[in-house]
Amino acid sequence: MQSVRFRIDFNQHCSIGPGKIELLEAISRSGSISRAAQELGMSYRHAWLLVDSLNHSFTEAVTTSSVGGAGGGGVKLTPFGADLIRRYRAVGRRIETLAQTEFEDFVRKARSSATAGLGRRRLVRRTGRARAKPAS
């Protein structure tokens, strides 16, 4: 099995999934939303909106930012943000192990991507009824 991707919905307006977690990890490595976005191939605006959404989704912020100064500004994870990543990854490992056990028979039966489309027939429903011509 290659991987399991999952999302946790804490409520209707608060969720985390692989994209947000990967962004937070990239921010942790780079200290910058801009560099994290570039690393992940997303726009700065999209990355900023995701971080802003996360910071407003919980009662605690996941990141903190500093502006200017001699070393320039930056963004870093709060302890809450780091814990969010740690727990998400821990649950992911447990889900991965469970999925590998539960689906091991299916993995052996899965076609490779090169052959998955071969032999697939297009299903078309034909009724045999002729369409009525519109009245003129």
N, C-alpha and C. Protein backbone atom coordinates (compact mmCIF):
# COMPACT_ATOMS: atom_id res chain seq x y z
N MET A 1 0.85 -1.18 0.00
CA MET A 1 0.00 0.00 0.00
C MET A 1 0.90 1.24 0.00
N GLN A 2 0.57 2.17 -0.83
CA GLN A 2 1.39 3.37 -0.94
C GLN A 2 1.20 4.31 0.24
N SER A 3 -0.01 4.80 0.44
CA SER A 3 -0.25 5.72 1.54
C SER A 3 -1.74 5.89 1.78
N VAL A 4 -2.04 6.42 2.93
CA VAL A 4 -3.41 6.74 3.31
C VAL A 4 -3.43 8.24 3.57
N ARG A 5 -4.39 8.91 2.98
CA ARG A 5 -4.56 10.35 3.22
C ARG A 5 -5.88 10.51 3.95
N PHE A 6 -5.87 11.31 4.99
CA PHE A 6 -7.09 11.51 5.76
C PHE A 6 -7.20 12.95 6.22
N ARG A 7 -8.41 13.31 6.58
CA ARG A 7 -8.71 14.65 7.05
C ARG A 7 -9.50 14.53 8.33
N ILE A 8 -9.28 15.44 9.24
CA ILE A 8 -10.03 15.46 10.49
C ILE A 8 -10.87 16.73 10.50
N ASP A 9 -12.17 16.54 10.63
CA ASP A 9 -13.10 17.67 10.75
C ASP A 9 -13.44 17.83 12.23
N PHE A 10 -12.93 18.88 12.85
CA PHE A 10 -13.21 19.12 14.26
C PHE A 10 -14.62 19.68 14.43
N ASN A 11 -15.04 20.46 13.47
CA ASN A 11 -16.42 20.94 13.37
C ASN A 11 -16.61 21.41 11.94
N GLN A 12 -17.75 22.01 11.65
CA GLN A 12 -18.09 22.41 10.29
C GLN A 12 -17.07 23.39 9.68
N HIS A 13 -16.42 24.19 10.50
CA HIS A 13 -15.52 25.23 10.00
C HIS A 13 -14.06 25.02 10.39
N CYS A 14 -13.74 23.86 10.91
CA CYS A 14 -12.39 23.62 11.41
C CYS A 14 -11.94 22.22 11.04
N SER A 15 -10.96 22.13 10.12
CA SER A 15 -10.46 20.82 9.71
C SER A 15 -8.97 20.91 9.39
N ILE A 16 -8.33 19.75 9.47
CA ILE A 16 -6.94 19.64 9.04
C ILE A 16 -6.81 18.39 8.20
N GLY A 17 -5.90 18.47 7.26
CA GLY A 17 -5.63 17.34 6.38
C GLY A 17 -4.20 17.40 5.92
N PRO A 18 -3.84 16.56 4.97
CA PRO A 18 -2.44 16.49 4.56
C PRO A 18 -1.88 17.80 4.00
N GLY A 19 -2.67 18.57 3.29
CA GLY A 19 -2.18 19.82 2.71
C GLY A 19 -1.81 20.84 3.77
N LYS A 20 -2.67 21.04 4.74
CA LYS A 20 -2.38 22.01 5.80
C LYS A 20 -1.22 21.54 6.67
N ILE A 21 -1.16 20.25 6.94
CA ILE A 21 -0.07 19.72 7.76
C ILE A 21 1.26 19.87 7.02
N GLU A 22 1.28 19.55 5.72
CA GLU A 22 2.51 19.72 4.94
C GLU A 22 2.94 21.18 4.90
N LEU A 23 1.99 22.09 4.81
CA LEU A 23 2.31 23.52 4.83
C LEU A 23 2.92 23.91 6.17
N LEU A 24 2.33 23.47 7.26
CA LEU A 24 2.89 23.80 8.58
C LEU A 24 4.30 23.22 8.74
N GLU A 25 4.52 22.01 8.24
CA GLU A 25 5.85 21.42 8.31
C GLU A 25 6.86 22.22 7.49
N ALA A 26 6.44 22.69 6.33
CA ALA A 26 7.32 23.50 5.48
C ALA A 26 7.62 24.84 6.14
N ILE A 27 6.64 25.41 6.80
CA ILE A 27 6.86 26.66 7.53
C ILE A 27 7.85 26.42 8.67
N SER A 28 7.71 25.30 9.34
CA SER A 28 8.63 24.97 10.43
C SER A 28 10.07 24.86 9.93
N ARG A 29 10.24 24.27 8.76
CA ARG A 29 11.58 24.11 8.18
C ARG A 29 12.16 25.44 7.69
N SER A 30 11.31 26.25 7.06
CA SER A 30 11.82 27.44 6.38
C SER A 30 11.70 28.73 7.19
N GLY A 31 10.77 28.78 8.12
CA GLY A 31 10.55 30.01 8.87
C GLY A 31 9.86 31.09 8.07
N SER A 32 9.20 30.68 6.97
CA SER A 32 8.60 31.67 6.07
C SER A 32 7.42 31.05 5.33
N ILE A 33 6.32 31.77 5.27
CA ILE A 33 5.18 31.31 4.49
C ILE A 33 5.54 31.32 3.01
N SER A 34 6.24 32.36 2.59
CA SER A 34 6.62 32.49 1.19
C SER A 34 7.50 31.32 0.74
N ARG A 35 8.54 31.01 1.51
CA ARG A 35 9.42 29.89 1.14
C ARG A 35 8.69 28.55 1.24
N ALA A 36 7.82 28.41 2.24
CA ALA A 36 7.05 27.17 2.38
C ALA A 36 6.13 26.98 1.18
N ALA A 37 5.48 28.07 0.76
CA ALA A 37 4.59 27.99 -0.41
C ALA A 37 5.38 27.61 -1.66
N GLN A 38 6.52 28.23 -1.83
CA GLN A 38 7.37 27.92 -2.99
C GLN A 38 7.80 26.46 -2.97
N GLU A 39 8.20 25.97 -1.81
CA GLU A 39 8.63 24.57 -1.67
C GLU A 39 7.50 23.61 -2.06
N LEU A 40 6.26 23.98 -1.73
CA LEU A 40 5.12 23.10 -2.00
C LEU A 40 4.46 23.37 -3.34
N GLY A 41 4.95 24.36 -4.07
CA GLY A 41 4.39 24.67 -5.38
C GLY A 41 3.03 25.33 -5.32
N MET A 42 2.79 26.13 -4.29
CA MET A 42 1.51 26.84 -4.21
C MET A 42 1.77 28.34 -4.15
N SER A 43 0.76 29.10 -4.41
CA SER A 43 0.92 30.55 -4.37
C SER A 43 1.06 31.01 -2.92
N TYR A 44 1.72 32.15 -2.76
CA TYR A 44 1.84 32.73 -1.42
C TYR A 44 0.46 33.02 -0.85
N ARG A 45 -0.41 33.57 -1.68
CA ARG A 45 -1.76 33.93 -1.21
C ARG A 45 -2.50 32.71 -0.69
N HIS A 46 -2.44 31.60 -1.43
CA HIS A 46 -3.12 30.38 -1.00
C HIS A 46 -2.55 29.89 0.33
N ALA A 47 -1.23 29.88 0.45
CA ALA A 47 -0.59 29.45 1.69
C ALA A 47 -0.98 30.37 2.85
N TRP A 48 -0.96 31.67 2.60
CA TRP A 48 -1.31 32.62 3.65
C TRP A 48 -2.75 32.41 4.10
N LEU A 49 -3.65 32.20 3.15
CA LEU A 49 -5.06 31.98 3.50
C LEU A 49 -5.24 30.71 4.33
N LEU A 50 -4.50 29.65 4.00
CA LEU A 50 -4.58 28.41 4.78
C LEU A 50 -4.08 28.63 6.21
N VAL A 51 -2.96 29.34 6.34
CA VAL A 51 -2.41 29.61 7.68
C VAL A 51 -3.37 30.49 8.46
N ASP A 52 -3.90 31.51 7.82
CA ASP A 52 -4.85 32.40 8.48
C ASP A 52 -6.09 31.62 8.93
N SER A 53 -6.56 30.73 8.06
CA SER A 53 -7.72 29.90 8.40
C SER A 53 -7.41 29.04 9.63
N LEU A 54 -6.24 28.41 9.65
CA LEU A 54 -5.86 27.59 10.80
C LEU A 54 -5.78 28.43 12.07
N ASN A 55 -5.18 29.60 11.97
CA ASN A 55 -5.04 30.45 13.15
C ASN A 55 -6.38 30.93 13.70
N HIS A 56 -7.38 31.00 12.84
CA HIS A 56 -8.71 31.43 13.29
C HIS A 56 -9.64 30.25 13.57
N SER A 57 -9.21 29.03 13.26
CA SER A 57 -10.05 27.85 13.47
C SER A 57 -9.98 27.30 14.88
N PHE A 58 -8.91 27.63 15.58
CA PHE A 58 -8.71 27.13 16.94
C PHE A 58 -8.66 28.30 17.91
N THR A 59 -8.82 28.01 19.18
CA THR A 59 -8.72 29.07 20.19
C THR A 59 -7.28 29.47 20.43
N GLU A 60 -6.33 28.67 19.94
CA GLU A 60 -4.91 29.00 20.02
C GLU A 60 -4.36 29.09 18.61
N ALA A 61 -3.40 29.98 18.40
CA ALA A 61 -2.78 30.13 17.08
C ALA A 61 -1.82 28.96 16.82
N VAL A 62 -1.71 28.59 15.55
CA VAL A 62 -0.76 27.53 15.16
C VAL A 62 0.59 28.13 14.75
N THR A 63 0.59 29.40 14.38
CA THR A 63 1.83 30.08 14.01
C THR A 63 1.89 31.44 14.69
N THR A 64 3.08 31.96 14.74
CA THR A 64 3.29 33.33 15.21
C THR A 64 4.25 33.98 14.23
N SER A 65 4.08 35.26 14.02
CA SER A 65 4.94 35.95 13.06
C SER A 65 5.64 37.13 13.70
N SER A 66 6.78 37.47 13.11
CA SER A 66 7.51 38.66 13.54
C SER A 66 7.82 39.47 12.29
N VAL A 67 7.90 40.76 12.44
CA VAL A 67 8.14 41.63 11.29
C VAL A 67 9.48 42.33 11.41
N GLY A 68 10.09 42.54 10.25
CA GLY A 68 11.29 43.36 10.12
C GLY A 68 12.43 43.02 11.06
N GLY A 69 13.17 44.05 11.39
CA GLY A 69 14.31 43.88 12.27
C GLY A 69 15.58 43.52 11.51
N ALA A 70 16.66 43.36 12.23
CA ALA A 70 17.96 43.08 11.62
C ALA A 70 17.96 41.77 10.85
N GLY A 71 17.32 40.74 11.40
CA GLY A 71 17.30 39.44 10.73
C GLY A 71 16.10 39.27 9.82
N GLY A 72 15.27 40.28 9.71
CA GLY A 72 14.07 40.17 8.91
C GLY A 72 12.97 39.49 9.69
N GLY A 73 11.79 39.47 9.14
CA GLY A 73 10.66 38.86 9.80
C GLY A 73 10.60 37.37 9.53
N GLY A 74 9.57 36.77 10.00
CA GLY A 74 9.41 35.35 9.76
C GLY A 74 8.19 34.80 10.46
N VAL A 75 7.97 33.53 10.24
CA VAL A 75 6.84 32.83 10.84
C VAL A 75 7.38 31.56 11.46
N LYS A 76 6.88 31.25 12.65
CA LYS A 76 7.26 29.98 13.25
C LYS A 76 6.04 29.35 13.91
N LEU A 77 6.13 28.07 14.12
CA LEU A 77 5.03 27.36 14.75
C LEU A 77 4.99 27.66 16.24
N THR A 78 3.78 27.71 16.76
CA THR A 78 3.61 27.78 18.21
C THR A 78 3.72 26.36 18.75
N PRO A 79 3.87 26.20 20.04
CA PRO A 79 3.84 24.84 20.61
C PRO A 79 2.54 24.11 20.24
N PHE A 80 1.43 24.84 20.18
CA PHE A 80 0.15 24.25 19.77
C PHE A 80 0.23 23.74 18.33
N GLY A 81 0.80 24.52 17.43
CA GLY A 81 0.95 24.11 16.04
C GLY A 81 1.84 22.89 15.89
N ALA A 82 2.94 22.87 16.63
CA ALA A 82 3.85 21.72 16.59
C ALA A 82 3.15 20.47 17.12
N ASP A 83 2.35 20.63 18.16
CA ASP A 83 1.61 19.49 18.72
C ASP A 83 0.55 18.99 17.74
N LEU A 84 -0.08 19.91 17.02
CA LEU A 84 -1.07 19.53 16.01
C LEU A 84 -0.43 18.64 14.95
N ILE A 85 0.74 19.02 14.46
CA ILE A 85 1.46 18.22 13.47
C ILE A 85 1.83 16.86 14.06
N ARG A 86 2.39 16.87 15.27
CA ARG A 86 2.84 15.63 15.90
C ARG A 86 1.69 14.63 16.05
N ARG A 87 0.55 15.11 16.53
CA ARG A 87 -0.59 14.21 16.73
C ARG A 87 -1.18 13.74 15.41
N TYR A 88 -1.25 14.63 14.43
CA TYR A 88 -1.77 14.24 13.11
C TYR A 88 -0.90 13.14 12.52
N ARG A 89 0.42 13.31 12.58
CA ARG A 89 1.34 12.30 12.04
C ARG A 89 1.27 11.00 12.82
N ALA A 90 1.10 11.07 14.13
CA ALA A 90 0.98 9.85 14.95
C ALA A 90 -0.28 9.07 14.57
N VAL A 91 -1.39 9.77 14.42
CA VAL A 91 -2.63 9.11 14.00
C VAL A 91 -2.47 8.55 12.60
N GLY A 92 -1.80 9.29 11.73
CA GLY A 92 -1.56 8.82 10.37
C GLY A 92 -0.80 7.50 10.33
N ARG A 93 0.21 7.38 11.18
CA ARG A 93 0.97 6.12 11.23
C ARG A 93 0.08 4.97 11.70
N ARG A 94 -0.77 5.24 12.67
CA ARG A 94 -1.67 4.19 13.18
C ARG A 94 -2.70 3.78 12.11
N ILE A 95 -3.23 4.76 11.41
CA ILE A 95 -4.18 4.47 10.34
C ILE A 95 -3.50 3.69 9.22
N GLU A 96 -2.28 4.09 8.88
CA GLU A 96 -1.51 3.41 7.83
C GLU A 96 -1.31 1.93 8.18
N THR A 97 -0.92 1.66 9.41
CA THR A 97 -0.71 0.28 9.86
C THR A 97 -2.01 -0.51 9.78
N LEU A 98 -3.09 0.08 10.25
CA LEU A 98 -4.40 -0.60 10.20
C LEU A 98 -4.83 -0.85 8.76
N ALA A 99 -4.66 0.13 7.90
CA ALA A 99 -5.06 -0.01 6.50
C ALA A 99 -4.23 -1.08 5.80
N GLN A 100 -2.94 -1.14 6.09
CA GLN A 100 -2.10 -2.18 5.48
C GLN A 100 -2.57 -3.57 5.89
N THR A 101 -2.95 -3.73 7.14
CA THR A 101 -3.44 -5.02 7.62
C THR A 101 -4.79 -5.36 6.99
N GLU A 102 -5.70 -4.43 7.00
CA GLU A 102 -7.06 -4.67 6.51
C GLU A 102 -7.13 -4.84 5.00
N PHE A 103 -6.23 -4.21 4.25
CA PHE A 103 -6.33 -4.20 2.80
C PHE A 103 -5.20 -4.94 2.09
N GLU A 104 -4.41 -5.74 2.82
CA GLU A 104 -3.27 -6.39 2.19
C GLU A 104 -3.70 -7.30 1.04
N ASP A 105 -4.84 -7.96 1.14
CA ASP A 105 -5.32 -8.80 0.03
C ASP A 105 -5.63 -7.97 -1.21
N PHE A 106 -6.15 -6.78 -1.00
CA PHE A 106 -6.51 -5.91 -2.11
C PHE A 106 -5.28 -5.32 -2.79
N VAL A 107 -4.23 -5.07 -2.03
CA VAL A 107 -3.00 -4.52 -2.60
C VAL A 107 -2.45 -5.47 -3.65
N ARG A 108 -2.48 -6.76 -3.35
CA ARG A 108 -1.99 -7.74 -4.32
C ARG A 108 -2.86 -7.80 -5.57
N LYS A 109 -4.11 -7.43 -5.44
CA LYS A 109 -5.04 -7.48 -6.58
C LYS A 109 -5.13 -6.17 -7.34
N ALA A 110 -4.51 -5.13 -6.83
CA ALA A 110 -4.56 -3.82 -7.48
C ALA A 110 -3.70 -3.82 -8.73
N ARG A 111 -4.24 -3.27 -9.79
CA ARG A 111 -3.50 -3.15 -11.04
C ARG A 111 -2.53 -1.99 -10.96
N SER A 112 -1.46 -2.10 -11.70
CA SER A 112 -0.52 -0.98 -11.76
C SER A 112 -1.18 0.14 -12.56
N SER A 113 -0.67 1.34 -12.43
CA SER A 113 -1.28 2.47 -13.15
C SER A 113 -1.18 2.29 -14.66
N ALA A 114 -0.17 1.57 -15.13
CA ALA A 114 -0.01 1.37 -16.57
C ALA A 114 -1.10 0.47 -17.15
N THR A 115 -1.61 -0.45 -16.34
CA THR A 115 -2.61 -1.39 -16.86
C THR A 115 -4.01 -1.12 -16.33
N ALA A 116 -4.17 -0.16 -15.44
CA ALA A 116 -5.47 0.08 -14.81
C ALA A 116 -6.54 0.46 -15.82
N GLY A 117 -6.19 1.21 -16.86
CA GLY A 117 -7.18 1.65 -17.84
C GLY A 117 -7.45 0.63 -18.92
N LEU A 118 -6.59 -0.38 -19.06
CA LEU A 118 -6.79 -1.38 -20.10
C LEU A 118 -7.95 -2.29 -19.75
N GLY A 119 -8.73 -2.62 -20.74
CA GLY A 119 -9.85 -3.51 -20.52
C GLY A 119 -11.06 -2.84 -19.90
N ARG A 120 -10.94 -1.59 -19.58
CA ARG A 120 -12.07 -0.87 -19.03
C ARG A 120 -13.03 -0.53 -20.15
N ARG A 121 -14.26 -0.91 -20.00
CA ARG A 121 -15.24 -0.61 -21.03
C ARG A 121 -16.06 0.60 -20.65
N ARG A 122 -16.38 1.35 -21.63
CA ARG A 122 -17.22 2.50 -21.41
C ARG A 122 -18.66 2.03 -21.32
N LEU A 123 -19.29 2.35 -20.24
CA LEU A 123 -20.68 1.94 -20.05
C LEU A 123 -21.59 3.02 -20.60
N VAL A 124 -22.40 2.63 -21.56
CA VAL A 124 -23.33 3.56 -22.17
C VAL A 124 -24.70 2.93 -22.11
N ARG A 125 -25.64 3.66 -21.65
CA ARG A 125 -27.00 3.16 -21.58
C ARG A 125 -27.73 3.60 -22.83
N ARG A 126 -28.22 2.63 -23.54
CA ARG A 126 -29.00 2.93 -24.75
C ARG A 126 -30.43 2.48 -24.51
N THR A 127 -31.35 3.36 -24.79
CA THR A 127 -32.75 3.04 -24.52
C THR A 127 -33.46 2.46 -25.73
N GLY A 128 -32.97 2.73 -26.92
CA GLY A 128 -33.63 2.24 -28.12
C GLY A 128 -34.80 3.11 -28.55
N ARG A 129 -35.13 4.10 -27.74
CA ARG A 129 -36.23 4.99 -28.11
C ARG A 129 -35.72 6.12 -28.97
N ALA A 130 -36.44 6.44 -29.98
CA ALA A 130 -36.08 7.57 -30.83
C ALA A 130 -36.54 8.85 -30.17
N ARG A 131 -35.75 9.88 -30.32
CA ARG A 131 -36.15 11.19 -29.79
C ARG A 131 -37.23 11.80 -30.67
N ALA A 132 -38.18 12.39 -30.01
CA ALA A 132 -39.23 13.08 -30.76
C ALA A 132 -38.67 14.40 -31.27
N LYS A 133 -38.99 14.72 -32.51
CA LYS A 133 -38.57 16.00 -33.05
C LYS A 133 -39.44 17.10 -32.48
N PRO A 134 -38.84 18.23 -32.18
CA PRO A 134 -39.65 19.34 -31.66
C PRO A 134 -40.64 19.82 -32.74
N ALA A 135 -41.80 20.21 -32.27
CA ALA A 135 -42.82 20.73 -33.21
C ALA A 135 -42.37 22.05 -33.79
N SER A 136 -42.61 22.25 -35.08
CA SER A 136 -42.22 23.49 -35.73
C SER A 136 -43.37 24.42 -35.82
